[in-house]
Amino acid sequence: MEWNPHINRTVAVMSGKGGVGKSGVSALLAVELARRGLRMGIMDADITGPSIPTMLGIVDIRPEVTDRGIHPVSSRKYGIQVISINLLLDKPEQPVIWRGPLLSKAILEFWNEVLWSGLDILIVDMPPGTGDVPLTVLQSIPLEGVVMVSSPQDLAFLIVKKAVHMVQQLQRPILGLVENLSTVFCPKCGEVIHPFGQPRGQKISTQLQIPFLGEIPIDPILSEYCDSGRIEDYESVAVKNIVDKLITAL
């Protein structure tokens, strides 16, 4: 496990289950931390399903590759440094059909060969599951800790519990749990709706003996901003509160 002198702290964002908005949470955390003056980076470790460049609106920019290494691409507003396999492909819709060893090799190259520049925090956006890539990140990258992401469904929490136990078995600290997609507010009457069941993040966190960082509601505006590459323009009281707790945990 080799430290990178250009990265002060590294935080992985992990879910275990796909479809809970983990990449969105990764981007939101990075943006809010950058808004507070921290120099941020995101390693898009979801090699087969990368989405970070799209959210940050950097799909048409290619990283500069030199003899020294790969220069990350910086986001337009806050200068968040990003590396993603989609930035290196000829076409963004091109699939990455690799077996585990190649996926793990790509992650190590992102860590060792990308020329990160003076980062306060690097966020590693993990793929779903507990397979080769999460194992490589947890075993090979010095992490300050892991942020777990779930949604209120029973199935989501079942799979996230597996990810929590994986992190604990590998003796990596868990900074806390974020419950995403927790509620939605009716734009006409203001009624609070729970489309995926009652929020239970606090209860599950207590059961797992990990901190609870907070809930993020469903927001159609956020979806629009992610699709149009403008997530840096999105602000949320819920995300601000989560970042307050994350900074305390760090």
C-alpha atoms as a PDB file:
ATOM      1  CA  MET A   1       0.000   0.000   0.000  1.00  0.00           C
ATOM      2  CA  GLU A   2       1.777   3.086  -1.284  1.00  0.00           C
ATOM      3  CA  TRP A   3       0.938   6.647  -0.244  1.00  0.00           C
ATOM      4  CA  ASN A   4       0.634   9.316  -2.920  1.00  0.00           C
ATOM      5  CA  PRO A   5       2.411  12.501  -1.795  1.00  0.00           C
ATOM      6  CA  HIS A   6       0.062  14.641  -3.899  1.00  0.00           C
ATOM      7  CA  ILE A   7      -3.080  13.439  -2.089  1.00  0.00           C
ATOM      8  CA  ASN A   8      -3.666  14.354   1.526  1.00  0.00           C
ATOM      9  CA  ARG A   9      -6.654  12.118   2.191  1.00  0.00           C
ATOM     10  CA  THR A  10      -8.553   9.502   0.194  1.00  0.00           C
ATOM     11  CA  VAL A  11     -12.190   8.595   0.819  1.00  0.00           C
ATOM     12  CA  ALA A  12     -14.020   5.766  -0.963  1.00  0.00           C
ATOM     13  CA  VAL A  13     -17.763   5.964  -1.630  1.00  0.00           C
ATOM     14  CA  MET A  14     -19.273   2.481  -1.746  1.00  0.00           C
ATOM     15  CA  SER A  15     -22.741   0.963  -1.934  1.00  0.00           C
ATOM     16  CA  GLY A  16     -22.536  -2.751  -2.572  1.00  0.00           C
ATOM     17  CA  LYS A  17     -25.744  -2.467  -4.622  1.00  0.00           C
ATOM     18  CA  GLY A  18     -26.156  -0.594  -7.889  1.00  0.00           C
ATOM     19  CA  GLY A  19     -28.932   1.893  -8.498  1.00  0.00           C
ATOM     20  CA  VAL A  20     -28.788   3.711  -5.155  1.00  0.00           C
ATOM     21  CA  GLY A  21     -27.162   6.853  -6.553  1.00  0.00           C
ATOM     22  CA  LYS A  22     -23.633   6.249  -5.298  1.00  0.00           C
ATOM     23  CA  SER A  23     -21.944   8.171  -8.113  1.00  0.00           C
ATOM     24  CA  GLY A  24     -24.286  11.085  -7.595  1.00  0.00           C
ATOM     25  CA  VAL A  25     -23.421  11.129  -3.899  1.00  0.00           C
ATOM     26  CA  SER A  26     -19.703  10.989  -4.770  1.00  0.00           C
ATOM     27  CA  ALA A  27     -20.068  14.006  -7.043  1.00  0.00           C
ATOM     28  CA  LEU A  28     -22.232  15.931  -4.569  1.00  0.00           C
ATOM     29  CA  LEU A  29     -19.719  15.405  -1.758  1.00  0.00           C
ATOM     30  CA  ALA A  30     -16.832  16.516  -3.977  1.00  0.00           C
ATOM     31  CA  VAL A  31     -18.690  19.625  -5.133  1.00  0.00           C
ATOM     32  CA  GLU A  32     -19.719  20.687  -1.633  1.00  0.00           C
ATOM     33  CA  LEU A  33     -16.210  20.150  -0.266  1.00  0.00           C
ATOM     34  CA  ALA A  34     -14.763  22.115  -3.193  1.00  0.00           C
ATOM     35  CA  ARG A  35     -17.289  24.870  -2.513  1.00  0.00           C
ATOM     36  CA  ARG A  36     -15.746  25.143   0.944  1.00  0.00           C
ATOM     37  CA  GLY A  37     -12.303  25.741  -0.474  1.00  0.00           C
ATOM     38  CA  LEU A  38     -10.816  22.230  -0.496  1.00  0.00           C
ATOM     39  CA  ARG A  39      -8.888  21.001  -3.525  1.00  0.00           C
ATOM     40  CA  MET A  40     -10.845  17.960  -4.651  1.00  0.00           C
ATOM     41  CA  GLY A  41     -10.391  15.043  -7.004  1.00  0.00           C
ATOM     42  CA  ILE A  42     -12.574  12.123  -8.073  1.00  0.00           C
ATOM     43  CA  MET A  43     -11.267   8.784  -9.249  1.00  0.00           C
ATOM     44  CA  ASP A  44     -14.068   7.117 -11.193  1.00  0.00           C
ATOM     45  CA  ALA A  45     -13.336   3.520 -10.208  1.00  0.00           C
ATOM     46  CA  ASP A  46     -16.565   2.253 -11.772  1.00  0.00           C
ATOM     47  CA  ILE A  47     -14.689   1.154 -14.889  1.00  0.00           C
ATOM     48  CA  THR A  48     -17.589  -0.638 -16.574  1.00  0.00           C
ATOM     49  CA  GLY A  49     -20.236   1.965 -15.722  1.00  0.00           C
ATOM     50  CA  PRO A  50     -18.554   5.385 -15.459  1.00  0.00           C
ATOM     51  CA  SER A  51     -20.793   8.422 -14.995  1.00  0.00           C
ATOM     52  CA  ILE A  52     -18.722  11.057 -13.191  1.00  0.00           C
ATOM     53  CA  PRO A  53     -17.557  12.897 -16.366  1.00  0.00           C
ATOM     54  CA  THR A  54     -21.147  13.281 -17.564  1.00  0.00           C
ATOM     55  CA  MET A  55     -22.289  14.781 -14.252  1.00  0.00           C
ATOM     56  CA  LEU A  56     -19.432  17.279 -14.260  1.00  0.00           C
ATOM     57  CA  GLY A  57     -19.814  18.202 -17.916  1.00  0.00           C
ATOM     58  CA  ILE A  58     -16.340  17.156 -19.055  1.00  0.00           C
ATOM     59  CA  VAL A  59     -17.274  14.521 -21.634  1.00  0.00           C
ATOM     60  CA  ASP A  60     -15.593  16.300 -24.562  1.00  0.00           C
ATOM     61  CA  ILE A  61     -12.232  16.810 -22.861  1.00  0.00           C
ATOM     62  CA  ARG A  62      -9.389  14.316 -23.129  1.00  0.00           C
ATOM     63  CA  PRO A  63      -6.670  13.900 -20.468  1.00  0.00           C
ATOM     64  CA  GLU A  64      -3.184  14.898 -21.544  1.00  0.00           C
ATOM     65  CA  VAL A  65      -0.890  11.863 -21.561  1.00  0.00           C
ATOM     66  CA  THR A  66       2.842  12.525 -21.200  1.00  0.00           C
ATOM     67  CA  ASP A  67       5.974  10.565 -20.352  1.00  0.00           C
ATOM     68  CA  ARG A  68       5.430  11.513 -16.704  1.00  0.00           C
ATOM     69  CA  GLY A  69       1.865  10.223 -16.557  1.00  0.00           C
ATOM     70  CA  ILE A  70      -1.765  11.150 -17.175  1.00  0.00           C
ATOM     71  CA  HIS A  71      -3.030  14.619 -16.317  1.00  0.00           C
ATOM     72  CA  PRO A  72      -6.521  14.543 -14.800  1.00  0.00           C
ATOM     73  CA  VAL A  73      -9.221  16.699 -16.356  1.00  0.00           C
ATOM     74  CA  SER A  74     -10.500  19.597 -14.241  1.00  0.00           C
ATOM     75  CA  SER A  75     -14.173  20.517 -13.917  1.00  0.00           C
ATOM     76  CA  ARG A  76     -15.256  23.909 -15.213  1.00  0.00           C
ATOM     77  CA  LYS A  77     -16.437  25.626 -12.011  1.00  0.00           C
ATOM     78  CA  TYR A  78     -14.484  24.327  -9.027  1.00  0.00           C
ATOM     79  CA  GLY A  79     -11.529  22.689 -10.735  1.00  0.00           C
ATOM     80  CA  ILE A  80     -12.295  19.214  -9.388  1.00  0.00           C
ATOM     81  CA  GLN A  81      -9.643  16.890 -10.826  1.00  0.00           C
ATOM     82  CA  VAL A  82     -11.200  13.837 -12.485  1.00  0.00           C
ATOM     83  CA  ILE A  83      -9.945  10.632 -14.042  1.00  0.00           C
ATOM     84  CA  SER A  84     -12.324   8.143 -15.608  1.00  0.00           C
ATOM     85  CA  ILE A  85     -12.026   5.411 -18.194  1.00  0.00           C
ATOM     86  CA  ASN A  86     -14.652   7.249 -20.256  1.00  0.00           C
ATOM     87  CA  LEU A  87     -12.222  10.141 -20.699  1.00  0.00           C
ATOM     88  CA  LEU A  88      -9.748   7.730 -22.306  1.00  0.00           C
ATOM     89  CA  LEU A  89     -12.114   5.938 -24.694  1.00  0.00           C
ATOM     90  CA  ASP A  90     -12.564   6.935 -28.331  1.00  0.00           C
ATOM     91  CA  LYS A  91     -16.338   6.910 -27.852  1.00  0.00           C
ATOM     92  CA  PRO A  92     -18.093   7.303 -24.477  1.00  0.00           C
ATOM     93  CA  GLU A  93     -20.622   4.588 -25.373  1.00  0.00           C
ATOM     94  CA  GLN A  94     -17.830   2.084 -26.023  1.00  0.00           C
ATOM     95  CA  PRO A  95     -18.151  -0.789 -23.521  1.00  0.00           C
ATOM     96  CA  VAL A  96     -15.256  -1.903 -21.359  1.00  0.00           C
ATOM     97  CA  ILE A  97     -15.304  -5.700 -21.538  1.00  0.00           C
ATOM     98  CA  TRP A  98     -12.521  -6.656 -19.163  1.00  0.00           C
ATOM     99  CA  ARG A  99     -11.995  -9.412 -16.657  1.00  0.00           C
ATOM    100  CA  GLY A 100     -11.124  -8.743 -13.036  1.00  0.00           C
ATOM    101  CA  PRO A 101      -7.309  -8.544 -13.322  1.00  0.00           C
ATOM    102  CA  LEU A 102      -7.501  -5.843 -16.003  1.00  0.00           C
ATOM    103  CA  LEU A 103     -10.013  -3.865 -13.979  1.00  0.00           C
ATOM    104  CA  SER A 104      -7.773  -4.007 -10.931  1.00  0.00           C
ATOM    105  CA  LYS A 105      -4.764  -2.988 -13.016  1.00  0.00           C
ATOM    106  CA  ALA A 106      -6.650   0.074 -14.287  1.00  0.00           C
ATOM    107  CA  ILE A 107      -7.420   1.163 -10.725  1.00  0.00           C
ATOM    108  CA  LEU A 108      -3.765   0.897  -9.697  1.00  0.00           C
ATOM    109  CA  GLU A 109      -2.754   2.896 -12.774  1.00  0.00           C
ATOM    110  CA  PHE A 110      -5.272   5.599 -11.854  1.00  0.00           C
ATOM    111  CA  TRP A 111      -3.671   5.753  -8.408  1.00  0.00           C
ATOM    112  CA  ASN A 112      -0.021   5.573  -9.419  1.00  0.00           C
ATOM    113  CA  GLU A 113       0.151   7.133 -12.890  1.00  0.00           C
ATOM    114  CA  VAL A 114      -2.348   9.986 -12.772  1.00  0.00           C
ATOM    115  CA  LEU A 115      -0.629  13.278 -11.966  1.00  0.00           C
ATOM    116  CA  TRP A 116      -2.899  14.450  -9.180  1.00  0.00           C
ATOM    117  CA  SER A 117      -1.965  17.945  -8.055  1.00  0.00           C
ATOM    118  CA  GLY A 118      -2.065  18.969  -4.410  1.00  0.00           C
ATOM    119  CA  LEU A 119      -5.396  17.388  -3.470  1.00  0.00           C
ATOM    120  CA  ASP A 120      -6.877  17.836  -0.030  1.00  0.00           C
ATOM    121  CA  ILE A 121      -9.247  14.912  -0.622  1.00  0.00           C
ATOM    122  CA  LEU A 122      -9.555  12.350  -3.412  1.00  0.00           C
ATOM    123  CA  ILE A 123     -12.941  10.646  -3.605  1.00  0.00           C
ATOM    124  CA  VAL A 124     -12.943   7.160  -5.102  1.00  0.00           C
ATOM    125  CA  ASP A 125     -16.300   6.396  -6.687  1.00  0.00           C
ATOM    126  CA  MET A 126     -16.495   2.616  -6.328  1.00  0.00           C
ATOM    127  CA  PRO A 127     -18.453   0.224  -8.551  1.00  0.00           C
ATOM    128  CA  PRO A 128     -21.330  -1.722  -6.986  1.00  0.00           C
ATOM    129  CA  GLY A 129     -20.642  -5.095  -5.452  1.00  0.00           C
ATOM    130  CA  THR A 130     -17.822  -6.611  -3.432  1.00  0.00           C
ATOM    131  CA  GLY A 131     -15.711  -7.903  -6.315  1.00  0.00           C
ATOM    132  CA  ASP A 132     -12.266  -7.269  -7.747  1.00  0.00           C
ATOM    133  CA  VAL A 133     -12.282  -3.471  -7.938  1.00  0.00           C
ATOM    134  CA  PRO A 134     -13.579  -2.781  -4.405  1.00  0.00           C
ATOM    135  CA  LEU A 135     -11.147  -5.388  -3.107  1.00  0.00           C
ATOM    136  CA  THR A 136      -8.258  -3.730  -4.963  1.00  0.00           C
ATOM    137  CA  VAL A 137      -9.181  -0.285  -3.637  1.00  0.00           C
ATOM    138  CA  LEU A 138      -9.574  -1.483  -0.060  1.00  0.00           C
ATOM    139  CA  GLN A 139      -6.341  -3.482  -0.092  1.00  0.00           C
ATOM    140  CA  SER A 140      -4.076  -1.295  -2.231  1.00  0.00           C
ATOM    141  CA  ILE A 141      -5.048   2.342  -1.644  1.00  0.00           C
ATOM    142  CA  PRO A 142      -4.479   4.023   1.739  1.00  0.00           C
ATOM    143  CA  LEU A 143      -7.974   5.165   2.663  1.00  0.00           C
ATOM    144  CA  GLU A 144      -8.967   7.644   5.315  1.00  0.00           C
ATOM    145  CA  GLY A 145     -12.280   5.842   5.366  1.00  0.00           C
ATOM    146  CA  VAL A 146     -15.359   4.683   3.454  1.00  0.00           C
ATOM    147  CA  VAL A 147     -18.733   6.368   3.023  1.00  0.00           C
ATOM    148  CA  MET A 148     -21.519   3.836   2.508  1.00  0.00           C
ATOM    149  CA  VAL A 149     -24.575   4.728   0.388  1.00  0.00           C
ATOM    150  CA  SER A 150     -27.947   2.998   0.470  1.00  0.00           C
ATOM    151  CA  SER A 151     -31.605   3.635  -0.286  1.00  0.00           C
ATOM    152  CA  PRO A 152     -34.573   2.713   1.923  1.00  0.00           C
ATOM    153  CA  GLN A 153     -35.445  -0.633   0.279  1.00  0.00           C
ATOM    154  CA  ASP A 154     -34.882  -3.825   2.284  1.00  0.00           C
ATOM    155  CA  LEU A 155     -32.901  -5.329  -0.599  1.00  0.00           C
ATOM    156  CA  ALA A 156     -30.596  -2.307  -0.797  1.00  0.00           C
ATOM    157  CA  PHE A 157     -29.835  -2.483   2.912  1.00  0.00           C
ATOM    158  CA  LEU A 158     -29.241  -6.244   2.694  1.00  0.00           C
ATOM    159  CA  ILE A 159     -26.550  -5.756   0.047  1.00  0.00           C
ATOM    160  CA  VAL A 160     -25.062  -2.710   1.750  1.00  0.00           C
ATOM    161  CA  LYS A 161     -24.658  -4.758   4.914  1.00  0.00           C
ATOM    162  CA  LYS A 162     -22.465  -7.136   2.899  1.00  0.00           C
ATOM    163  CA  ALA A 163     -20.321  -4.188   1.798  1.00  0.00           C
ATOM    164  CA  VAL A 164     -20.083  -2.940   5.384  1.00  0.00           C
ATOM    165  CA  HIS A 165     -18.917  -6.342   6.580  1.00  0.00           C
ATOM    166  CA  MET A 166     -16.376  -6.487   3.736  1.00  0.00           C
ATOM    167  CA  VAL A 167     -14.894  -3.137   4.738  1.00  0.00           C
ATOM    168  CA  GLN A 168     -14.792  -4.150   8.391  1.00  0.00           C
ATOM    169  CA  GLN A 169     -13.121  -7.491   7.609  1.00  0.00           C
ATOM    170  CA  LEU A 170     -10.421  -5.610   5.693  1.00  0.00           C
ATOM    171  CA  GLN A 171     -10.050  -3.293   8.708  1.00  0.00           C
ATOM    172  CA  ARG A 172     -10.859  -0.053   6.944  1.00  0.00           C
ATOM    173  CA  PRO A 173     -12.724   2.673   8.849  1.00  0.00           C
ATOM    174  CA  ILE A 174     -16.319   3.477   7.887  1.00  0.00           C
ATOM    175  CA  LEU A 175     -16.978   7.203   8.085  1.00  0.00           C
ATOM    176  CA  GLY A 176     -20.733   6.802   7.943  1.00  0.00           C
ATOM    177  CA  LEU A 177     -23.860   5.907   5.999  1.00  0.00           C
ATOM    178  CA  VAL A 178     -25.788   8.146   3.602  1.00  0.00           C
ATOM    179  CA  GLU A 179     -29.386   7.179   2.851  1.00  0.00           C
ATOM    180  CA  ASN A 180     -30.108   8.378  -0.681  1.00  0.00           C
ATOM    181  CA  LEU A 181     -33.502   8.637  -2.419  1.00  0.00           C
ATOM    182  CA  SER A 182     -35.109   8.806   1.005  1.00  0.00           C
ATOM    183  CA  THR A 183     -38.106  11.038   0.305  1.00  0.00           C
ATOM    184  CA  VAL A 184     -39.724  13.161  -2.378  1.00  0.00           C
ATOM    185  CA  PHE A 185     -41.687  16.367  -1.833  1.00  0.00           C
ATOM    186  CA  CYS A 186     -44.857  16.920  -3.855  1.00  0.00           C
ATOM    187  CA  PRO A 187     -44.321  20.184  -5.779  1.00  0.00           C
ATOM    188  CA  LYS A 188     -48.043  21.026  -5.598  1.00  0.00           C
ATOM    189  CA  CYS A 189     -49.041  20.285  -2.021  1.00  0.00           C
ATOM    190  CA  GLY A 190     -45.697  19.820  -0.268  1.00  0.00           C
ATOM    191  CA  GLU A 191     -46.608  16.348   1.007  1.00  0.00           C
ATOM    192  CA  VAL A 192     -43.655  14.148   1.889  1.00  0.00           C
ATOM    193  CA  ILE A 193     -43.741  10.846  -0.024  1.00  0.00           C
ATOM    194  CA  HIS A 194     -41.604   7.773   0.629  1.00  0.00           C
ATOM    195  CA  PRO A 195     -41.495   5.974  -2.755  1.00  0.00           C
ATOM    196  CA  PHE A 196     -39.039   3.315  -1.567  1.00  0.00           C
ATOM    197  CA  GLY A 197     -40.397   2.860   1.941  1.00  0.00           C
ATOM    198  CA  GLN A 198     -39.899   4.671   5.210  1.00  0.00           C
ATOM    199  CA  PRO A 199     -36.335   6.002   5.699  1.00  0.00           C
ATOM    200  CA  ARG A 200     -34.404   3.696   8.018  1.00  0.00           C
ATOM    201  CA  GLY A 201     -30.839   4.899   7.644  1.00  0.00           C
ATOM    202  CA  GLN A 202     -30.515   5.937  11.274  1.00  0.00           C
ATOM    203  CA  LYS A 203     -31.884   2.596  12.495  1.00  0.00           C
ATOM    204  CA  ILE A 204     -29.634   0.552  10.192  1.00  0.00           C
ATOM    205  CA  SER A 205     -26.597   2.619  11.150  1.00  0.00           C
ATOM    206  CA  THR A 206     -27.301   1.941  14.805  1.00  0.00           C
ATOM    207  CA  GLN A 207     -27.633  -1.786  14.098  1.00  0.00           C
ATOM    208  CA  LEU A 208     -24.344  -1.814  12.179  1.00  0.00           C
ATOM    209  CA  GLN A 209     -22.665   0.433  14.749  1.00  0.00           C
ATOM    210  CA  ILE A 210     -21.561   2.978  12.159  1.00  0.00           C
ATOM    211  CA  PRO A 211     -22.248   6.743  12.067  1.00  0.00           C
ATOM    212  CA  PHE A 212     -25.301   8.026  10.221  1.00  0.00           C
ATOM    213  CA  LEU A 213     -24.414  10.992   8.008  1.00  0.00           C
ATOM    214  CA  GLY A 214     -27.909  11.850   6.790  1.00  0.00           C
ATOM    215  CA  GLU A 215     -30.590  11.538   4.116  1.00  0.00           C
ATOM    216  CA  ILE A 216     -30.709  12.931   0.581  1.00  0.00           C
ATOM    217  CA  PRO A 217     -34.220  13.328  -0.901  1.00  0.00           C
ATOM    218  CA  ILE A 218     -35.175  12.689  -4.507  1.00  0.00           C
ATOM    219  CA  ASP A 219     -34.956  15.935  -6.464  1.00  0.00           C
ATOM    220  CA  PRO A 220     -35.870  16.134 -10.170  1.00  0.00           C
ATOM    221  CA  ILE A 221     -33.707  19.246 -10.443  1.00  0.00           C
ATOM    222  CA  LEU A 222     -30.665  17.212  -9.400  1.00  0.00           C
ATOM    223  CA  SER A 223     -31.426  14.642 -12.095  1.00  0.00           C
ATOM    224  CA  GLU A 224     -31.635  17.431 -14.672  1.00  0.00           C
ATOM    225  CA  TYR A 225     -28.331  18.922 -13.506  1.00  0.00           C
ATOM    226  CA  CYS A 226     -26.575  15.536 -13.603  1.00  0.00           C
ATOM    227  CA  ASP A 227     -27.808  14.802 -17.112  1.00  0.00           C
ATOM    228  CA  SER A 228     -26.745  18.222 -18.373  1.00  0.00           C
ATOM    229  CA  GLY A 229     -23.320  18.185 -16.688  1.00  0.00           C
ATOM    230  CA  ARG A 230     -24.150  20.964 -14.229  1.00  0.00           C
ATOM    231  CA  ILE A 231     -23.965  19.199 -10.878  1.00  0.00           C
ATOM    232  CA  GLU A 232     -21.519  21.882  -9.698  1.00  0.00           C
ATOM    233  CA  ASP A 233     -24.415  24.364  -9.815  1.00  0.00           C
ATOM    234  CA  TYR A 234     -26.615  22.258  -7.526  1.00  0.00           C
ATOM    235  CA  GLU A 235     -26.905  23.135  -3.830  1.00  0.00           C
ATOM    236  CA  SER A 236     -28.739  21.222  -1.140  1.00  0.00           C
ATOM    237  CA  VAL A 237     -29.192  21.760   2.584  1.00  0.00           C
ATOM    238  CA  ALA A 238     -29.211  17.976   3.045  1.00  0.00           C
ATOM    239  CA  VAL A 239     -25.827  17.622   1.335  1.00  0.00           C
ATOM    240  CA  LYS A 240     -24.398  20.523   3.336  1.00  0.00           C
ATOM    241  CA  ASN A 241     -25.438  18.815   6.581  1.00  0.00           C
ATOM    242  CA  ILE A 242     -23.913  15.518   5.458  1.00  0.00           C
ATOM    243  CA  VAL A 243     -20.638  17.212   4.577  1.00  0.00           C
ATOM    244  CA  ASP A 244     -20.585  18.919   7.995  1.00  0.00           C
ATOM    245  CA  LYS A 245     -20.685  15.474   9.613  1.00  0.00           C
ATOM    246  CA  LEU A 246     -18.178  14.046   7.135  1.00  0.00           C
ATOM    247  CA  ILE A 247     -15.666  16.786   7.913  1.00  0.00           C
ATOM    248  CA  THR A 248     -16.092  16.046  11.617  1.00  0.00           C
ATOM    249  CA  ALA A 249     -15.540  12.346  10.958  1.00  0.00           C
ATOM    250  CA  LEU A 250     -12.353  13.133   9.024  1.00  0.00           C
END
